[in-house]
Protein backbone atom coordinates (compact mmCIF):
# COMPACT_ATOMS: atom_id res chain seq x y z
CA MET A 1 93.36 43.38 27.23
CA ASP A 2 93.26 44.77 23.72
CA LYS A 3 94.58 42.56 20.93
CA SER A 4 96.27 43.44 17.66
CA CYS A 5 95.77 41.68 14.35
CA ALA A 6 98.17 38.72 13.90
CA ASN A 7 98.72 39.75 10.30
CA HIS A 8 98.71 43.52 10.80
CA PRO A 9 100.13 44.41 14.30
CA GLU A 10 99.41 48.09 13.77
CA SER A 11 95.64 47.39 13.35
CA MET A 12 93.21 46.55 16.11
CA ALA A 13 91.80 43.01 16.10
CA LEU A 14 88.02 42.96 15.72
CA ALA A 15 87.37 39.20 15.65
CA THR A 16 88.89 35.81 16.39
CA CYS A 17 89.12 32.88 13.93
CA LYS A 18 86.65 30.25 14.97
CA ALA A 19 89.00 27.45 13.88
CA CYS A 20 92.51 28.53 15.06
CA ASP A 21 91.70 31.39 17.53
CA LYS A 22 93.84 33.85 15.60
CA SER A 23 93.12 37.53 16.22
CA ILE A 24 92.26 39.31 12.94
CA CYS A 25 91.33 42.83 11.89
CA LEU A 26 88.65 43.99 9.49
CA MET A 27 90.91 43.50 6.48
CA CYS A 28 91.58 39.87 7.32
CA VAL A 29 88.07 38.76 8.36
CA VAL A 30 86.45 35.99 6.22
CA ASP A 31 82.80 36.27 7.22
CA GLU A 32 80.81 33.04 6.65
CA LYS A 33 77.50 31.75 7.96
CA GLU A 34 79.36 29.47 10.41
CA GLY A 35 81.27 32.45 11.91
CA THR A 36 84.42 34.47 11.28
CA PHE A 37 87.63 32.91 10.05
CA CYS A 38 91.14 34.11 9.24
CA SER A 39 91.30 32.36 5.86
CA THR A 40 89.35 30.11 3.48
CA GLU A 41 91.59 27.19 4.57
CA CYS A 42 90.42 27.49 8.18
CA HIS A 43 86.83 27.78 7.02
CA GLY A 44 87.12 24.64 4.87
CA ALA A 45 88.71 22.69 7.73
CA PHE A 46 85.99 23.82 10.10
CA VAL A 47 83.22 22.79 7.69
CA GLU A 48 84.85 19.38 7.06
CA GLY A 49 85.42 18.83 10.78
CA ARG A 50 89.25 18.68 10.55
CA GLU A 51 91.32 19.79 13.52
CA VAL A 52 93.35 22.99 13.03
CA PRO A 53 96.37 23.85 15.25
CA LYS A 54 95.56 26.74 17.57
CA TYR A 55 97.40 29.97 16.97
CA VAL A 56 99.75 30.98 19.79
CA GLU A 57 100.22 34.77 20.07
CA SER A 58 103.47 36.34 21.13
CA ALA A 59 103.75 38.45 24.27
CA PRO A 60 101.95 41.75 23.71
CA ALA A 61 103.92 44.94 23.75
CA GLU A 62 103.38 47.50 26.53
CA GLU A 63 100.39 49.66 25.85
CA PRO A 64 100.95 53.32 25.20
CA ALA A 65 100.22 55.53 28.16
CA SER A 66 97.82 57.62 26.12
CA VAL A 67 95.69 54.60 25.30
CA ALA A 68 95.85 53.13 28.80
CA SER A 69 94.96 56.40 30.43
CA SER A 70 92.07 57.13 28.15
CA GLY A 71 89.95 54.56 29.99
CA SER A 72 87.96 53.69 26.79
CA GLN A 73 86.66 50.10 26.53
CA LYS A 74 87.46 48.03 23.40
CA ILE A 75 85.43 45.17 22.06
CA GLU A 76 87.32 41.84 21.95
CA SER A 77 85.16 40.42 19.15
CA ILE A 78 82.51 41.65 16.81
CA PHE A 79 80.15 39.12 18.34
CA ASP A 80 80.71 40.36 21.96
CA ASP A 81 78.21 42.87 23.37
CA GLY A 82 79.50 46.41 23.18
CA PRO A 83 79.78 48.72 26.20
CA SER A 84 76.58 50.15 27.55
CA ALA A 85 75.73 53.78 27.14
CA SER A 86 76.27 54.43 30.82
CA GLN A 87 79.79 52.98 30.72
CA ALA A 88 80.86 54.79 27.58
CA PRO A 89 82.74 58.02 28.28
CA ALA A 90 81.05 61.21 27.30
CA SER A 91 84.03 62.32 25.25
CA SER A 92 84.28 59.11 23.13
CA GLU A 93 83.00 60.90 20.06
CA GLY A 94 85.90 63.35 20.18
CA MET A 95 88.55 60.64 20.80
CA SER A 96 91.27 60.73 18.21
CA LEU A 97 92.95 57.46 17.10
CA PRO A 98 96.71 57.30 16.71
CA PRO A 99 97.61 57.68 13.02
CA SER A 100 98.68 54.47 11.28
CA GLU A 101 101.54 54.28 8.84
CA ASP A 102 99.43 52.45 6.22
CA PRO A 103 96.28 54.31 5.23
CA MET A 104 92.99 52.41 5.28
CA PRO A 105 92.02 51.16 1.81
CA ILE A 106 89.00 52.65 0.16
CA VAL A 107 87.45 49.21 -0.56
CA ALA A 108 87.34 46.70 2.29
CA GLU A 109 89.02 43.36 1.36
CA GLY A 110 86.57 40.57 0.68
CA THR A 111 83.58 42.96 0.35
CA LYS A 112 82.04 45.21 -2.29
CA TRP A 113 81.80 48.30 -0.01
CA ARG A 114 83.86 51.48 0.09
CA SER A 115 84.51 53.82 2.94
CA ILE A 116 82.10 56.82 3.06
CA GLY A 117 84.46 59.01 5.14
CA ALA A 118 82.85 58.36 8.50
CA GLN A 119 83.33 55.94 11.41
CA CYS A 120 81.01 53.12 12.38
CA GLN A 121 78.81 54.18 15.31
CA ASN A 122 79.08 50.67 16.80
CA HIS A 123 82.87 50.34 16.28
CA SER A 124 84.44 53.75 16.52
CA ASP A 125 87.82 52.47 15.20
CA THR A 126 86.31 51.02 12.00
CA PRO A 127 85.47 53.02 8.87
CA ALA A 128 81.78 53.14 7.97
CA VAL A 129 80.78 51.81 4.51
CA ALA A 130 77.05 52.68 4.40
CA ASN A 131 74.20 54.53 6.13
CA CYS A 132 71.04 52.89 7.33
CA ASP A 133 68.22 53.59 4.91
CA ARG A 134 65.76 53.90 7.79
CA CYS A 135 67.52 55.82 10.57
CA GLY A 136 70.62 57.12 8.75
CA LYS A 137 73.09 55.50 11.16
CA ALA A 138 76.66 55.00 9.80
CA VAL A 139 77.76 51.35 10.01
CA CYS A 140 80.80 49.27 8.94
CA ALA A 141 80.80 46.15 6.79
CA LEU A 142 80.47 43.90 9.85
CA CYS A 143 77.36 45.67 11.19
CA LEU A 144 75.73 46.08 7.79
CA HIS A 145 72.45 44.30 6.97
CA GLU A 146 71.74 44.21 3.27
CA ALA A 147 68.38 43.54 1.61
CA SER A 148 66.65 44.23 -1.67
CA GLN A 149 65.02 47.32 -0.08
CA GLY A 150 68.39 48.85 0.92
CA THR A 151 71.04 48.73 3.67
CA PHE A 152 70.25 48.79 7.37
CA CYS A 153 72.10 49.03 10.67
CA SER A 154 70.20 46.30 12.48
CA SER A 155 67.56 43.60 11.94
CA GLU A 156 64.97 45.82 13.65
CA CYS A 157 65.34 48.56 11.02
CA MET A 158 65.40 45.98 8.20
CA ASN A 159 62.24 44.17 9.44
CA ALA A 160 60.44 47.49 9.93
CA VAL A 161 60.87 48.21 6.24
CA ILE A 162 60.52 44.68 4.78
CA GLN A 163 57.50 43.64 6.86
CA PRO A 164 55.54 46.83 7.56
CA SER A 165 52.47 46.62 9.71
CA ALA A 166 48.99 47.04 8.24
CA ALA A 167 47.40 50.46 7.81
CA SER A 168 44.85 49.71 10.56
CA THR A 169 47.62 49.35 13.16
CA GLY A 170 48.83 52.85 12.46
CA ARG A 171 51.80 52.11 10.21
CA SER A 172 54.22 54.97 10.14
CA PRO A 173 55.60 56.01 6.81
CA ARG A 174 59.17 55.11 5.96
CA ALA A 175 61.61 57.61 7.33
CA SER A 176 63.25 59.62 4.69
CA LYS A 177 66.97 59.68 4.24
CA PRO A 178 68.84 62.18 6.25
CA THR A 179 70.03 65.18 4.39
CA GLY A 180 73.63 64.10 5.00
CA ALA A 181 73.25 61.11 2.62
CA THR A 182 74.22 62.95 -0.46
CA ALA A 183 74.56 61.59 -4.01
CA GLU A 184 78.33 61.28 -3.36
CA GLN A 185 77.76 58.98 -0.41
CA ALA A 186 75.23 56.89 -2.41
CA ALA A 187 77.83 56.49 -5.21
CA LEU A 188 80.48 55.41 -2.66
CA GLN A 189 78.08 52.78 -1.33
CA GLY A 190 77.45 51.38 -4.83
CA LYS A 191 73.82 52.53 -4.89
CA PRO A 192 72.07 54.07 -7.88
CA VAL A 193 71.96 57.87 -7.71
CA PHE A 194 68.80 58.16 -9.81
CA LYS A 195 65.67 56.09 -9.49
CA PHE A 196 63.94 55.32 -12.74
CA LYS A 197 60.20 54.99 -12.72
CA GLU A 198 58.58 52.09 -14.49
CA PRO A 199 56.66 53.02 -17.61
CA PRO A 200 52.87 53.03 -17.18
CA ARG A 201 51.31 49.73 -18.17
CA THR A 202 48.80 49.75 -21.00
CA SER A 203 45.38 48.25 -20.51
CA LYS A 204 44.82 45.14 -22.63
CA ALA A 205 41.06 45.45 -22.33
CA GLY A 206 41.09 48.85 -23.97
CA LEU A 207 43.32 47.62 -26.78
CA ILE A 208 41.02 44.65 -27.44
CA ALA A 209 38.01 47.01 -27.53
CA VAL A 210 39.71 49.27 -30.08
CA VAL A 211 40.62 46.32 -32.30
CA ALA A 212 37.05 45.01 -32.12
CA VAL A 213 35.61 48.39 -33.13
CA PHE A 214 37.95 48.59 -36.12
CA ALA A 215 37.07 45.01 -37.14
CA VAL A 216 33.36 46.03 -37.34
CA VAL A 217 33.72 49.50 -38.75
CA LEU A 218 36.14 48.68 -41.62
CA PRO A 219 33.95 46.05 -43.47
CA VAL A 220 30.74 48.03 -42.96
CA GLY A 221 32.33 51.31 -44.13
CA GLY A 222 33.92 49.55 -47.11
CA TYR A 223 30.56 48.07 -48.19
CA TYR A 224 28.73 51.38 -48.05
CA GLY A 225 31.59 53.18 -49.70
CA TRP A 226 31.48 50.72 -52.58
CA LYS A 227 27.73 51.18 -52.92
CA VAL A 228 28.11 54.94 -53.04
CA PHE A 229 31.05 55.29 -55.43
CA SER A 230 30.56 52.29 -57.74
CA PRO A 231 28.90 53.15 -61.14
CA GLU A 232 25.35 51.83 -61.53
CA THR A 233 23.18 51.58 -64.62
CA SER A 234 20.42 54.21 -64.37
CA LEU A 235 16.93 53.17 -65.45
CA ASN A 236 15.18 55.25 -68.12
CA PRO A 237 11.94 56.58 -66.60
CA ASN A 238 10.37 56.93 -70.08
CA PRO A 239 11.02 53.73 -72.01
CA LYS A 240 10.08 53.53 -75.66
CA ILE A 241 6.92 51.61 -76.52
CA ALA A 242 6.71 49.91 -79.92
CA ASN A 243 3.61 50.87 -81.81
CA HIS A 244 2.20 48.31 -84.34
CA PRO A 245 -0.04 50.06 -86.88
CA ASN A 246 -1.56 46.76 -88.11
CA PRO A 247 -1.75 44.30 -85.34
CA GLU A 248 -2.41 40.69 -86.38
CA LEU A 249 -5.76 39.39 -85.32
CA PRO A 250 -6.14 35.78 -84.26
CA GLN A 251 -7.84 33.40 -86.78
CA PRO A 252 -11.44 32.58 -85.94
CA VAL A 253 -12.09 29.00 -84.82
CA ASP A 254 -14.13 26.84 -87.23
CA PRO A 255 -17.20 25.72 -85.39
CA LYS A 256 -17.66 22.61 -87.65
CA PRO A 257 -15.95 19.51 -86.31
CA VAL A 258 -13.55 17.59 -88.51
CA THR A 259 -15.04 14.43 -90.11
CA LEU A 260 -12.80 11.36 -89.75
CA LYS A 261 -12.50 8.80 -92.56
CA PRO A 262 -13.81 5.32 -91.85
CA VAL A 263 -11.21 2.63 -91.20
CA ASP A 264 -11.11 -0.37 -93.60
CA PRO A 265 -11.70 -3.51 -91.48
CA LYS A 266 -9.65 -5.72 -93.85
CA PRO A 267 -5.91 -5.70 -92.96
CA VAL A 268 -3.46 -5.04 -95.73
CA ASP A 269 -0.96 -7.90 -96.26
CA PRO A 270 2.67 -6.71 -96.37
CA PRO A 271 4.58 -7.47 -99.56
CA PRO A 272 6.71 -10.65 -99.35
CA VAL A 273 10.45 -10.19 -98.66
CA ILE A 274 12.70 -12.03 -101.05
CA ARG A 275 16.16 -12.92 -99.58
CA THR A 276 19.12 -13.93 -101.72
CA PRO A 277 20.84 -17.06 -100.27
CA ASP A 278 24.49 -16.78 -99.27
CA PRO A 279 26.88 -18.30 -101.76
CA VAL A 280 28.26 -21.65 -100.69
CA VAL A 281 32.04 -21.91 -101.00
CA ILE A 282 33.09 -25.46 -101.73
CA ALA A 283 36.67 -26.17 -100.70
CA PRO A 284 38.56 -28.23 -103.14
CA ASP A 285 39.59 -31.69 -102.05
CA PRO A 286 43.22 -31.95 -101.06
CA GLU A 287 45.35 -33.58 -103.60
CA PRO A 288 46.15 -37.06 -102.51
CA SER A 289 49.82 -37.80 -102.09
CA ARG A 290 51.44 -40.63 -103.78
CA SER A 291 51.26 -42.66 -100.58
CA GLY A 292 47.61 -41.82 -100.19
CA VAL A 293 48.10 -39.74 -96.92
CA THR A 294 46.68 -36.19 -96.68
CA LEU A 295 49.42 -33.55 -96.22
CA ARG A 296 48.80 -30.99 -93.44
CA PRO A 297 50.60 -27.59 -93.05
CA ARG A 298 53.60 -27.61 -90.72
CA PRO A 299 52.78 -25.89 -87.39
CA ILE A 300 54.55 -22.61 -86.62
CA PRO A 301 57.29 -23.26 -84.06
CA LYS A 302 57.15 -21.36 -80.78
CA ALA A 303 59.66 -18.62 -79.94
CA VAL A 304 62.92 -19.94 -78.56
CA PRO A 305 65.12 -17.77 -76.30
CA THR A 306 68.50 -16.79 -77.64
CA ARG A 307 71.80 -15.56 -76.23
CA THR A 308 74.58 -13.52 -77.83
CA LEU A 309 78.10 -14.83 -77.12
CA HIS A 310 80.48 -11.87 -76.84
CA PRO A 311 83.57 -13.02 -74.91
CA TRP A 312 85.44 -9.69 -75.48
CA SER A 313 82.63 -7.43 -74.17
CA ASP A 314 84.46 -6.64 -70.87
CA GLU A 315 87.94 -6.24 -72.39
CA LYS A 316 89.62 -2.98 -73.37
CA PRO A 317 90.83 -2.51 -76.93
CA GLY A 318 94.54 -3.23 -77.03
CA SER A 319 94.55 -6.18 -74.63
CA TRP A 320 96.36 -9.28 -75.95
CA TYR A 321 97.25 -12.89 -75.07
CA ARG A 322 100.21 -15.01 -76.29
CA LEU A 323 99.85 -18.78 -76.73
CA LYS A 324 102.67 -21.31 -77.21
CA THR A 325 101.92 -24.36 -79.34
CA SER A 326 104.27 -27.41 -79.50
CA SER A 327 103.55 -30.07 -82.10
CA GLY A 328 105.89 -32.61 -83.67
CA GLY A 329 109.00 -31.03 -82.20
CA ARG A 330 108.14 -27.60 -83.55
CA THR A 331 107.20 -24.59 -81.42
CA THR A 332 105.15 -21.64 -82.62
CA TYR A 333 103.79 -18.53 -80.88
CA THR A 334 100.50 -16.85 -81.59
CA ASP A 335 99.33 -13.45 -80.31
CA ILE A 336 95.58 -12.74 -80.16
CA GLY A 337 94.49 -9.17 -79.33
CA LEU A 338 91.38 -6.99 -79.40
CA LYS A 339 91.63 -4.10 -81.86
CA GLU A 340 88.07 -2.71 -81.61
CA LYS A 341 84.62 -3.86 -80.56
CA THR A 342 80.91 -3.03 -80.81
CA ALA A 343 77.83 -4.41 -79.16
CA SER A 344 77.42 -7.14 -81.80
CA SER A 345 80.92 -7.66 -83.20
CA TYR A 346 84.64 -7.40 -82.46
CA VAL A 347 87.83 -7.21 -84.53
CA LEU A 348 90.75 -9.46 -83.47
CA ALA A 349 94.37 -8.94 -84.44
CA ILE A 350 96.22 -12.25 -84.89
CA HIS A 351 100.03 -12.46 -85.23
CA SER A 352 101.77 -15.83 -85.59
CA SER A 353 105.52 -16.45 -85.46
CA ALA A 354 105.18 -19.00 -88.25
CA GLU A 355 103.65 -16.58 -90.71
CA GLY A 356 105.64 -13.53 -89.55
CA GLN A 357 102.85 -11.05 -90.31
CA ALA A 358 99.82 -9.94 -88.34
CA SER A 359 96.33 -10.28 -89.73
CA GLU A 360 92.96 -8.93 -88.65
CA LYS A 361 89.74 -10.86 -88.36
CA LYS A 362 86.29 -9.37 -87.78
CA VAL A 363 83.97 -11.69 -85.91
CA GLU A 364 80.25 -11.23 -85.56
CA ALA A 365 79.13 -12.18 -82.03
CA PRO A 366 77.34 -15.48 -82.57
CA VAL A 367 73.72 -15.92 -81.46
CA VAL A 368 72.81 -19.33 -80.09
CA TYR A 369 69.40 -20.81 -79.30
CA LEU A 370 68.77 -22.09 -75.80
CA ARG A 371 67.19 -25.58 -76.03
CA GLY A 372 66.59 -26.20 -72.34
CA GLU A 373 68.53 -27.26 -69.23
CA GLN A 374 70.17 -30.59 -68.64
CA THR A 375 72.06 -32.23 -65.80
CA VAL A 376 75.35 -33.86 -66.73
CA THR A 377 76.91 -36.37 -64.33
CA VAL A 378 80.69 -36.79 -64.57
CA ASP A 379 82.58 -39.16 -62.26
CA GLY A 380 79.69 -39.16 -59.73
CA GLN A 381 79.37 -35.32 -59.68
CA SER A 382 76.28 -33.62 -61.18
CA TYR A 383 76.53 -30.33 -63.07
CA LEU A 384 73.63 -28.06 -64.15
CA CYS A 385 74.01 -27.21 -67.84
CA GLU A 386 72.04 -25.80 -70.74
CA ALA A 387 71.82 -26.97 -74.36
CA GLN A 388 72.72 -24.55 -77.13
CA SER A 389 72.38 -24.87 -80.90
CA ALA A 390 73.27 -22.66 -83.82
CA THR A 391 69.94 -23.16 -85.61
CA LEU A 392 66.39 -24.29 -84.81
CA GLU A 393 66.55 -27.39 -86.90
CA PRO A 394 65.61 -30.47 -84.90
CA THR A 395 68.76 -32.21 -86.16
CA ALA A 396 71.03 -29.27 -85.36
CA PRO A 397 74.02 -30.35 -83.22
CA LYS A 398 73.80 -29.28 -79.56
CA THR A 399 76.55 -28.14 -77.24
CA ILE A 400 76.09 -28.67 -73.48
CA VAL A 401 77.72 -25.84 -71.42
CA LEU A 402 77.87 -25.02 -67.74
CA ILE A 403 75.50 -22.37 -66.21
CA SER A 404 77.79 -21.77 -63.19
CA ALA A 405 78.66 -18.06 -62.83
CA LYS A 406 82.35 -18.75 -62.18
CA TYR A 407 82.89 -21.09 -65.15
CA MET A 408 79.93 -20.09 -67.29
CA GLY A 409 80.19 -21.35 -70.87
CA VAL A 410 82.59 -24.26 -70.23
CA VAL A 411 81.80 -27.02 -72.73
CA LEU A 412 81.12 -30.36 -71.01
CA LYS A 413 79.55 -32.24 -73.93
CA SER A 414 79.02 -31.86 -77.66
CA ASP A 415 77.32 -34.03 -80.26
CA ALA A 416 78.63 -32.22 -83.34
CA ALA A 417 79.76 -34.59 -86.03
CA GLU A 418 83.11 -32.86 -86.55
CA ALA A 419 83.79 -31.99 -82.89
CA SER A 420 82.01 -34.53 -80.71
CA PHE A 421 83.12 -34.65 -77.08
CA SER A 422 82.13 -36.57 -73.97
CA PRO A 423 83.66 -35.85 -70.51
CA THR A 424 85.28 -38.46 -68.27
CA LYS A 425 86.70 -36.32 -65.45
CA VAL A 426 86.24 -32.74 -64.17
CA TRP A 427 88.23 -30.91 -61.42
CA GLU A 428 89.46 -27.46 -60.40
CA TYR A 429 93.04 -26.28 -60.78
CA SER A 430 95.08 -23.12 -60.14
CA MET A 431 97.52 -22.07 -62.87
CA HIS A 432 100.19 -19.30 -62.58
CA VAL A 433 101.09 -17.23 -65.66
CA LYS A 434 103.53 -14.30 -65.47
CA GLY A 435 103.06 -13.83 -61.73
CA ARG A 436 99.28 -14.02 -61.89
CA SER A 437 97.13 -16.94 -60.63
CA PHE A 438 94.17 -18.15 -62.68
CA ASP A 439 91.43 -20.43 -61.29
CA CYS A 440 90.73 -23.06 -63.94
CA LEU A 441 88.22 -25.86 -64.49
CA VAL A 442 89.97 -28.86 -66.09
CA VAL A 443 87.70 -31.00 -68.31
CA GLU A 444 89.16 -34.32 -69.49
CA GLY A 445 87.33 -36.46 -72.00
CA MET A 446 87.30 -38.11 -75.42
CA ALA A 447 87.14 -36.09 -78.65
CA ASP A 448 87.09 -38.11 -81.87
CA LYS A 449 88.25 -41.15 -79.86
CA LYS A 450 91.28 -39.22 -78.62
CA SER A 451 92.00 -38.13 -75.06
CA VAL A 452 91.84 -34.32 -74.65
CA LYS A 453 92.48 -32.30 -71.49
CA THR A 454 91.38 -28.61 -71.55
CA TYR A 455 91.95 -25.92 -68.90
CA TYR A 456 89.18 -23.31 -69.00
CA ALA A 457 89.54 -19.91 -67.28
CA PRO A 458 87.28 -16.80 -67.21
CA LEU A 459 89.20 -15.09 -70.05
CA PRO A 460 87.98 -14.07 -73.54
CA ILE A 461 90.14 -16.77 -75.19
CA GLY A 462 88.39 -19.39 -73.07
CA MET A 463 91.08 -22.06 -72.64
CA ILE A 464 94.58 -21.26 -71.34
CA ARG A 465 95.95 -24.76 -71.75
CA GLN A 466 95.12 -27.83 -73.82
CA GLU A 467 96.81 -31.18 -74.16
CA LYS A 468 96.24 -33.63 -77.02
CA PRO A 469 98.21 -36.63 -78.19
CA GLY A 470 101.36 -35.12 -79.75
CA GLU A 471 100.29 -31.50 -79.35
CA SER A 472 100.01 -28.99 -76.45
CA THR A 473 98.96 -25.32 -76.20
CA VAL A 474 99.54 -23.07 -73.19
CA LEU A 475 99.17 -19.34 -72.30
CA ILE A 476 102.61 -17.83 -71.55
CA ASP A 477 102.09 -14.01 -71.63
CA PHE A 478 99.43 -11.29 -71.70
CA GLY A 479 99.14 -7.49 -71.59
CA GLU A 480 96.89 -4.46 -72.13
CA ASP A 481 98.76 -2.62 -74.94
CA TRP A 482 99.14 -4.38 -78.32
CA ALA A 483 101.89 -1.99 -79.41
CA LYS A 484 104.08 -2.83 -76.34
CA ARG A 485 104.19 -6.61 -76.86
CA PRO A 486 107.61 -8.20 -76.41
CA PRO A 487 109.09 -9.88 -79.52
CA PHE A 488 108.62 -13.59 -80.04
CA PRO A 489 111.28 -15.80 -78.43
CA ASN A 490 113.86 -17.27 -80.78
C-alpha cells in the first residue's frame, strides 16, 4: 500500500525514519551515513542509543480510482529494490502524475541541488537534480553519487571513471556527455560552465641554464669591452736617443802599487786626564739649645678627614620653628626660620618676643675634623660614636657624637672647658607637637655639675626640649611659611 508523507500528505513518501518509523517525502529526508531520518533529533537519538517513540500513522484515505487502476508499482522506501523491467508497464514513461497544489521547490531542502526540469529515471515521481557524467542518466538527490570527477547515477559508473583499467586491458575512453546536457543544465546542477586549462609549467632546468650562461658571458664580455674601449698609452716606435759629443773616458789605472808608511813600534802614551774634585758642602752644626738638646723639625701631620655640618640642607626656605622658654617665672617665645641657604652657608631669621624685632644671622656651615671612632657605654648600653674637633690641635676639645643614622649627630659627651658634659642615662621617647609625633632620643647627664635633660629629634634645630634647674625650653609650633606665622601668645 502506498504511503504519504506524515508532514506533507499530498506528497508521496519515499523513505521511513530509521528511529521512529515515520513516512517522509524527499523534502523531509535527513540523509546520514546511518540511514534516513525524519529530523536531526531522531538522528541524534539513534546515534546516542536513546529510544524514540514509534510514529503511529492515521488510517489512510481511499485511493483514487485513477491511481488504483493504473496498476503501477510504487517503491515503499528508497532502500527497497525497485520493480524489474519485466514488471514495469510499458506506458510508465507516459504516465502523468496528479498535479499538486504546492509546486515542487527549485532547490531540494537539505541539499545543494536544483531541479533540472526532468524526472529521476529510478523514481519517476521525483524531480531529477543532475545527469550522470558517464551515461547521461537523470537522477534525483537520493540516487546521486558525487565525486571529484563529477556526478554519477550509480557506483558502477563512478568506479568506471575513478578507477579506469590499464591501457593493456583495452580501456575504453570516457563517454562524452550527451548533447542534451546543455550549459543551462550544468548551471542548474551547480557545475562550472567553462573549464579553464592550467597554464603550461616552465622548465626549471632551462631557466637555470640561461642564468648560468648569463653569469659567464657578462663578466667575460665586460672585461673585453673594458680592454677595447679603455684609453691606453701608445708607445713611440722612434724614441729619441741622447747624443753626447764628448763622452767621458774612464781614468787609467796606475800600475804602481801604493807604498805604505812603516808603523812606529813604540806606543804613544795618552795625555793624563785632570779631574776637578767635587766641592764638599759642610753643614753647619745645629745651634745648641739652652737645655743642651738638639731641636728637630716638627713632622708634617697626616691628612685628617673632615665633615661639613649643615643642619638646614634639607629644609625649604621659609620653614620656621617656635620655642617656648620658661625661666624664673618669665616666659619668652623665640621663632627660628630659614631665610636662604647655599651649599656652605645659611641665613637664619630670629624673632624673639622679648626683643620685639626680628633679626637675621648668617651662619657659615662649620667644618669639623674627624678624630676617630669611640664606643661610649651609658647605663650598661654601648653606643658607637665618633670624635669631632674644631681644629687639629692636640689639645683641642673633642665632642663625642652618635653615628646612628636615625639620631646622627646627638651629643653624648663633651670635654670642652665651657660646655663639658657626661651622660648618665639614655632612652627613646615619642613627643607630640601640634598633632605631629616626633621620635626623640633623651640624653640625661651632668653639665657643669648640673643635671641636664635634652630631647634630640631629627630636625635642623636639633633639640626640641631641654630641662635645666630653674629653666626649660620646648618646641610648641612649626610651619613652612615664615610670613604666615601666628602672633606670639600674650
